[in-house]
Amino acid sequence: MRRARPPGRRARAHRARPAHLSKISEELVRQYDRDDRFAPWRVHGTDVDLTFTPFHLKRSVIDLKVFASRTHQCFGHWSGRVRDDAGVWVRVADVVGWAEDVHNRW
């Protein structure tokens, strides 16, 4: 006869070993529309294939002729896949984050 589980305890499901992700050191290709910041952005490389879908834009523009700064910081969701340290592709789905386009003149 099976022993009853104490209240509040659930059965454990077998879990695969978690992926270990390290810093991405390669130069990534970023494709986005500067005229439509809310259009999906594509970021890819050897170990990365992601799409960023913005939902909010924070914009800052300063132009003092000698000094200028233009920042477009988008907040949104990342989806796609990245390769872990073992070389296995790991799915990324709706991870909240940001991406930015910054130009400065000093």
N, C-alpha and C. Protein backbone atom coordinates (compact mmCIF):
# COMPACT_ATOMS: atom_id res chain seq x y z
N MET A 1 0.83 -1.16 0.00
CA MET A 1 0.00 0.00 0.00
C MET A 1 0.89 1.24 0.00
N ARG A 2 0.50 2.26 -0.81
CA ARG A 2 1.28 3.49 -0.91
C ARG A 2 1.01 4.40 0.28
N ARG A 3 2.05 5.03 0.69
CA ARG A 3 1.93 5.96 1.80
C ARG A 3 1.35 7.30 1.32
N ALA A 4 0.45 7.87 2.06
CA ALA A 4 -0.16 9.14 1.67
C ALA A 4 0.85 10.27 1.83
N ARG A 5 0.76 11.23 0.95
CA ARG A 5 1.61 12.39 1.00
C ARG A 5 1.07 13.39 2.02
N PRO A 6 1.93 14.01 2.82
CA PRO A 6 1.46 15.02 3.76
C PRO A 6 0.78 16.18 3.03
N PRO A 7 -0.20 16.83 3.63
CA PRO A 7 -0.88 17.96 2.98
C PRO A 7 0.13 19.05 2.59
N GLY A 8 -0.10 19.65 1.45
CA GLY A 8 0.78 20.73 1.00
C GLY A 8 2.00 20.27 0.24
N ARG A 9 2.27 18.98 0.18
CA ARG A 9 3.43 18.48 -0.57
C ARG A 9 2.96 17.90 -1.88
N ARG A 10 3.67 18.20 -2.90
CA ARG A 10 3.34 17.69 -4.23
C ARG A 10 4.39 16.69 -4.67
N ALA A 11 3.99 15.84 -5.57
CA ALA A 11 4.95 14.89 -6.12
C ALA A 11 5.97 15.65 -6.96
N ARG A 12 7.21 15.24 -6.90
CA ARG A 12 8.25 15.87 -7.69
C ARG A 12 8.31 15.24 -9.07
N ALA A 13 8.33 16.10 -10.05
CA ALA A 13 8.51 15.61 -11.42
C ALA A 13 10.01 15.55 -11.70
N HIS A 14 10.42 14.61 -12.50
CA HIS A 14 11.82 14.51 -12.88
C HIS A 14 12.17 15.71 -13.74
N ARG A 15 13.19 16.45 -13.38
CA ARG A 15 13.60 17.63 -14.14
C ARG A 15 14.94 17.36 -14.80
N ALA A 16 15.03 17.83 -16.03
CA ALA A 16 16.31 17.74 -16.72
C ALA A 16 17.26 18.73 -16.07
N ARG A 17 18.53 18.51 -16.23
CA ARG A 17 19.54 19.41 -15.68
C ARG A 17 19.36 20.79 -16.30
N PRO A 18 19.37 21.86 -15.48
CA PRO A 18 19.17 23.21 -16.02
C PRO A 18 20.32 23.62 -16.95
N ALA A 19 19.98 24.43 -17.94
CA ALA A 19 20.98 24.93 -18.87
C ALA A 19 21.88 25.94 -18.18
N HIS A 20 23.14 25.98 -18.53
CA HIS A 20 24.06 26.97 -18.00
C HIS A 20 24.43 27.91 -19.13
N LEU A 21 24.03 29.17 -18.99
CA LEU A 21 24.30 30.17 -20.01
C LEU A 21 25.39 31.12 -19.51
N SER A 22 26.37 31.37 -20.35
CA SER A 22 27.45 32.30 -20.01
C SER A 22 27.29 33.57 -20.84
N LYS A 23 28.17 34.51 -20.59
CA LYS A 23 28.17 35.75 -21.34
C LYS A 23 28.34 35.46 -22.83
N ILE A 24 27.59 36.17 -23.65
CA ILE A 24 27.73 36.04 -25.10
C ILE A 24 28.82 37.00 -25.53
N SER A 25 29.93 36.47 -26.00
CA SER A 25 31.10 37.29 -26.32
C SER A 25 31.18 37.67 -27.80
N GLU A 26 30.41 37.04 -28.63
CA GLU A 26 30.50 37.34 -30.06
C GLU A 26 29.77 38.64 -30.40
N GLU A 27 30.17 39.25 -31.49
CA GLU A 27 29.49 40.44 -32.01
C GLU A 27 28.20 39.97 -32.67
N LEU A 28 27.08 40.50 -32.23
CA LEU A 28 25.78 40.09 -32.74
C LEU A 28 25.30 41.04 -33.82
N VAL A 29 24.51 40.51 -34.74
CA VAL A 29 23.88 41.32 -35.78
C VAL A 29 22.53 41.77 -35.25
N ARG A 30 22.29 43.09 -35.28
CA ARG A 30 21.01 43.65 -34.82
C ARG A 30 20.31 44.28 -36.00
N GLN A 31 19.09 43.85 -36.24
CA GLN A 31 18.30 44.40 -37.34
C GLN A 31 17.02 44.99 -36.76
N TYR A 32 16.79 46.28 -37.03
CA TYR A 32 15.59 46.95 -36.54
C TYR A 32 15.31 48.15 -37.42
N ASP A 33 14.09 48.64 -37.34
CA ASP A 33 13.65 49.76 -38.16
C ASP A 33 13.72 51.04 -37.33
N ARG A 34 14.64 51.93 -37.65
CA ARG A 34 14.79 53.18 -36.89
C ARG A 34 13.57 54.10 -37.04
N ASP A 35 12.78 53.89 -38.07
CA ASP A 35 11.58 54.70 -38.27
C ASP A 35 10.37 54.14 -37.54
N ASP A 36 10.43 52.89 -37.15
CA ASP A 36 9.33 52.24 -36.41
C ASP A 36 9.92 51.43 -35.26
N ARG A 37 10.16 52.07 -34.14
CA ARG A 37 10.81 51.43 -32.99
C ARG A 37 9.97 50.30 -32.40
N PHE A 38 8.66 50.28 -32.68
CA PHE A 38 7.80 49.22 -32.13
C PHE A 38 7.73 47.99 -33.04
N ALA A 39 8.36 48.05 -34.18
CA ALA A 39 8.45 46.85 -35.04
C ALA A 39 9.42 45.87 -34.38
N PRO A 40 9.22 44.57 -34.56
CA PRO A 40 10.13 43.58 -33.94
C PRO A 40 11.58 43.80 -34.38
N TRP A 41 12.49 43.61 -33.44
CA TRP A 41 13.93 43.67 -33.69
C TRP A 41 14.44 42.24 -33.80
N ARG A 42 15.41 42.00 -34.65
CA ARG A 42 16.02 40.68 -34.75
C ARG A 42 17.48 40.79 -34.32
N VAL A 43 17.89 39.90 -33.43
CA VAL A 43 19.26 39.85 -32.94
C VAL A 43 19.75 38.42 -33.15
N HIS A 44 20.85 38.27 -33.90
CA HIS A 44 21.31 36.90 -34.17
C HIS A 44 22.82 36.84 -34.33
N GLY A 45 23.31 35.62 -34.16
CA GLY A 45 24.72 35.31 -34.29
C GLY A 45 24.87 33.80 -34.29
N THR A 46 26.08 33.32 -34.06
CA THR A 46 26.34 31.88 -34.06
C THR A 46 25.56 31.16 -32.97
N ASP A 47 25.46 31.78 -31.78
CA ASP A 47 24.83 31.13 -30.64
C ASP A 47 23.54 31.81 -30.18
N VAL A 48 23.02 32.71 -30.99
CA VAL A 48 21.84 33.49 -30.61
C VAL A 48 20.93 33.66 -31.82
N ASP A 49 19.65 33.47 -31.62
CA ASP A 49 18.64 33.75 -32.64
C ASP A 49 17.39 34.22 -31.90
N LEU A 50 17.28 35.55 -31.74
CA LEU A 50 16.22 36.11 -30.91
C LEU A 50 15.43 37.18 -31.65
N THR A 51 14.18 37.34 -31.24
CA THR A 51 13.33 38.43 -31.70
C THR A 51 12.90 39.21 -30.48
N PHE A 52 13.00 40.53 -30.58
CA PHE A 52 12.60 41.42 -29.50
C PHE A 52 11.38 42.20 -29.96
N THR A 53 10.29 42.11 -29.20
CA THR A 53 9.05 42.80 -29.54
C THR A 53 8.79 43.88 -28.49
N PRO A 54 9.04 45.16 -28.84
CA PRO A 54 8.89 46.25 -27.88
C PRO A 54 7.43 46.53 -27.51
N PHE A 55 7.23 46.97 -26.25
CA PHE A 55 5.90 47.43 -25.83
C PHE A 55 5.96 48.84 -25.23
N HIS A 56 7.17 49.37 -24.97
CA HIS A 56 7.32 50.72 -24.42
C HIS A 56 8.62 51.33 -24.93
N LEU A 57 8.57 52.62 -25.24
CA LEU A 57 9.75 53.35 -25.72
C LEU A 57 10.05 54.52 -24.80
N LYS A 58 11.28 54.59 -24.31
CA LYS A 58 11.75 55.74 -23.55
C LYS A 58 12.74 56.47 -24.45
N ARG A 59 12.44 57.71 -24.78
CA ARG A 59 13.23 58.46 -25.74
C ARG A 59 13.84 59.68 -25.05
N SER A 60 15.13 59.94 -25.34
CA SER A 60 15.81 61.11 -24.80
C SER A 60 16.70 61.70 -25.89
N VAL A 61 16.50 62.99 -26.19
CA VAL A 61 17.30 63.65 -27.22
C VAL A 61 17.80 64.98 -26.68
N ILE A 62 19.12 65.18 -26.74
CA ILE A 62 19.75 66.44 -26.35
C ILE A 62 20.69 66.84 -27.48
N ASP A 63 20.57 68.08 -27.94
CA ASP A 63 21.48 68.56 -28.99
C ASP A 63 21.95 69.96 -28.62
N LEU A 64 23.18 70.05 -28.11
CA LEU A 64 23.78 71.33 -27.75
C LEU A 64 24.88 71.70 -28.73
N LYS A 65 24.78 71.20 -29.95
CA LYS A 65 25.72 71.41 -31.06
C LYS A 65 27.08 70.75 -30.83
N VAL A 66 27.80 71.13 -29.80
CA VAL A 66 29.08 70.50 -29.51
C VAL A 66 28.87 69.14 -28.88
N PHE A 67 27.89 69.07 -28.02
CA PHE A 67 27.54 67.83 -27.32
C PHE A 67 26.14 67.43 -27.76
N ALA A 68 25.96 66.15 -28.09
CA ALA A 68 24.64 65.66 -28.47
C ALA A 68 24.48 64.23 -28.00
N SER A 69 23.26 63.90 -27.66
CA SER A 69 22.95 62.53 -27.22
C SER A 69 21.55 62.18 -27.69
N ARG A 70 21.42 60.99 -28.27
CA ARG A 70 20.12 60.49 -28.72
C ARG A 70 19.99 59.06 -28.24
N THR A 71 19.00 58.80 -27.39
CA THR A 71 18.80 57.47 -26.83
C THR A 71 17.36 57.02 -27.05
N HIS A 72 17.21 55.84 -27.59
CA HIS A 72 15.91 55.18 -27.71
C HIS A 72 16.03 53.86 -26.96
N GLN A 73 15.40 53.80 -25.81
CA GLN A 73 15.45 52.60 -24.97
C GLN A 73 14.08 51.94 -25.02
N CYS A 74 14.04 50.74 -25.58
CA CYS A 74 12.78 50.01 -25.73
C CYS A 74 12.71 48.88 -24.71
N PHE A 75 11.54 48.73 -24.11
CA PHE A 75 11.27 47.62 -23.20
C PHE A 75 10.30 46.70 -23.92
N GLY A 76 10.50 45.39 -23.79
CA GLY A 76 9.65 44.45 -24.50
C GLY A 76 9.94 43.01 -24.12
N HIS A 77 9.55 42.10 -25.02
CA HIS A 77 9.69 40.66 -24.78
C HIS A 77 10.70 40.05 -25.76
N TRP A 78 11.59 39.22 -25.23
CA TRP A 78 12.54 38.46 -26.03
C TRP A 78 12.02 37.05 -26.23
N SER A 79 12.10 36.56 -27.46
CA SER A 79 11.73 35.17 -27.77
C SER A 79 12.70 34.63 -28.81
N GLY A 80 12.89 33.33 -28.80
CA GLY A 80 13.78 32.69 -29.77
C GLY A 80 14.57 31.59 -29.11
N ARG A 81 15.89 31.57 -29.37
CA ARG A 81 16.72 30.53 -28.78
C ARG A 81 18.16 31.01 -28.64
N VAL A 82 18.84 30.45 -27.64
CA VAL A 82 20.27 30.70 -27.41
C VAL A 82 20.93 29.36 -27.15
N ARG A 83 22.22 29.29 -27.47
CA ARG A 83 22.97 28.05 -27.26
C ARG A 83 23.62 28.09 -25.89
N ASP A 84 23.45 27.01 -25.10
CA ASP A 84 24.05 26.97 -23.77
C ASP A 84 25.52 26.55 -23.86
N ASP A 85 26.18 26.46 -22.71
CA ASP A 85 27.61 26.13 -22.68
C ASP A 85 27.92 24.74 -23.21
N ALA A 86 26.92 23.85 -23.21
CA ALA A 86 27.10 22.49 -23.72
C ALA A 86 26.82 22.41 -25.22
N GLY A 87 26.42 23.54 -25.83
CA GLY A 87 26.14 23.56 -27.26
C GLY A 87 24.71 23.19 -27.61
N VAL A 88 23.84 23.10 -26.61
CA VAL A 88 22.44 22.74 -26.82
C VAL A 88 21.61 24.02 -26.93
N TRP A 89 20.70 24.07 -27.91
CA TRP A 89 19.82 25.22 -28.06
C TRP A 89 18.79 25.23 -26.94
N VAL A 90 18.61 26.40 -26.32
CA VAL A 90 17.65 26.59 -25.23
C VAL A 90 16.60 27.58 -25.72
N ARG A 91 15.34 27.23 -25.56
CA ARG A 91 14.23 28.07 -26.00
C ARG A 91 14.05 29.23 -25.02
N VAL A 92 13.83 30.41 -25.57
CA VAL A 92 13.53 31.62 -24.79
C VAL A 92 12.15 32.07 -25.22
N ALA A 93 11.24 32.29 -24.27
CA ALA A 93 9.88 32.69 -24.63
C ALA A 93 9.37 33.80 -23.72
N ASP A 94 9.06 34.93 -24.33
CA ASP A 94 8.43 36.06 -23.64
C ASP A 94 9.18 36.53 -22.39
N VAL A 95 10.50 36.61 -22.48
CA VAL A 95 11.31 37.12 -21.38
C VAL A 95 11.32 38.65 -21.47
N VAL A 96 10.90 39.32 -20.39
CA VAL A 96 10.85 40.78 -20.39
C VAL A 96 12.27 41.32 -20.27
N GLY A 97 12.58 42.32 -21.09
CA GLY A 97 13.90 42.92 -21.08
C GLY A 97 13.90 44.23 -21.84
N TRP A 98 15.08 44.65 -22.28
CA TRP A 98 15.17 45.90 -23.03
C TRP A 98 16.23 45.79 -24.10
N ALA A 99 16.18 46.75 -25.02
CA ALA A 99 17.19 46.93 -26.06
C ALA A 99 17.26 48.43 -26.30
N GLU A 100 18.42 48.91 -26.69
CA GLU A 100 18.52 50.35 -26.90
C GLU A 100 19.38 50.69 -28.09
N ASP A 101 19.10 51.87 -28.65
CA ASP A 101 19.87 52.45 -29.74
C ASP A 101 20.35 53.79 -29.22
N VAL A 102 21.67 53.95 -29.06
CA VAL A 102 22.24 55.16 -28.46
C VAL A 102 23.30 55.74 -29.39
N HIS A 103 23.23 57.04 -29.60
CA HIS A 103 24.26 57.77 -30.36
C HIS A 103 24.66 58.98 -29.54
N ASN A 104 25.97 59.14 -29.32
CA ASN A 104 26.49 60.27 -28.55
C ASN A 104 27.55 60.99 -29.35
N ARG A 105 27.60 62.30 -29.21
CA ARG A 105 28.67 63.12 -29.80
C ARG A 105 29.23 63.97 -28.66
N TRP A 106 30.52 63.83 -28.40
CA TRP A 106 31.15 64.56 -27.28
C TRP A 106 32.02 65.65 -27.79
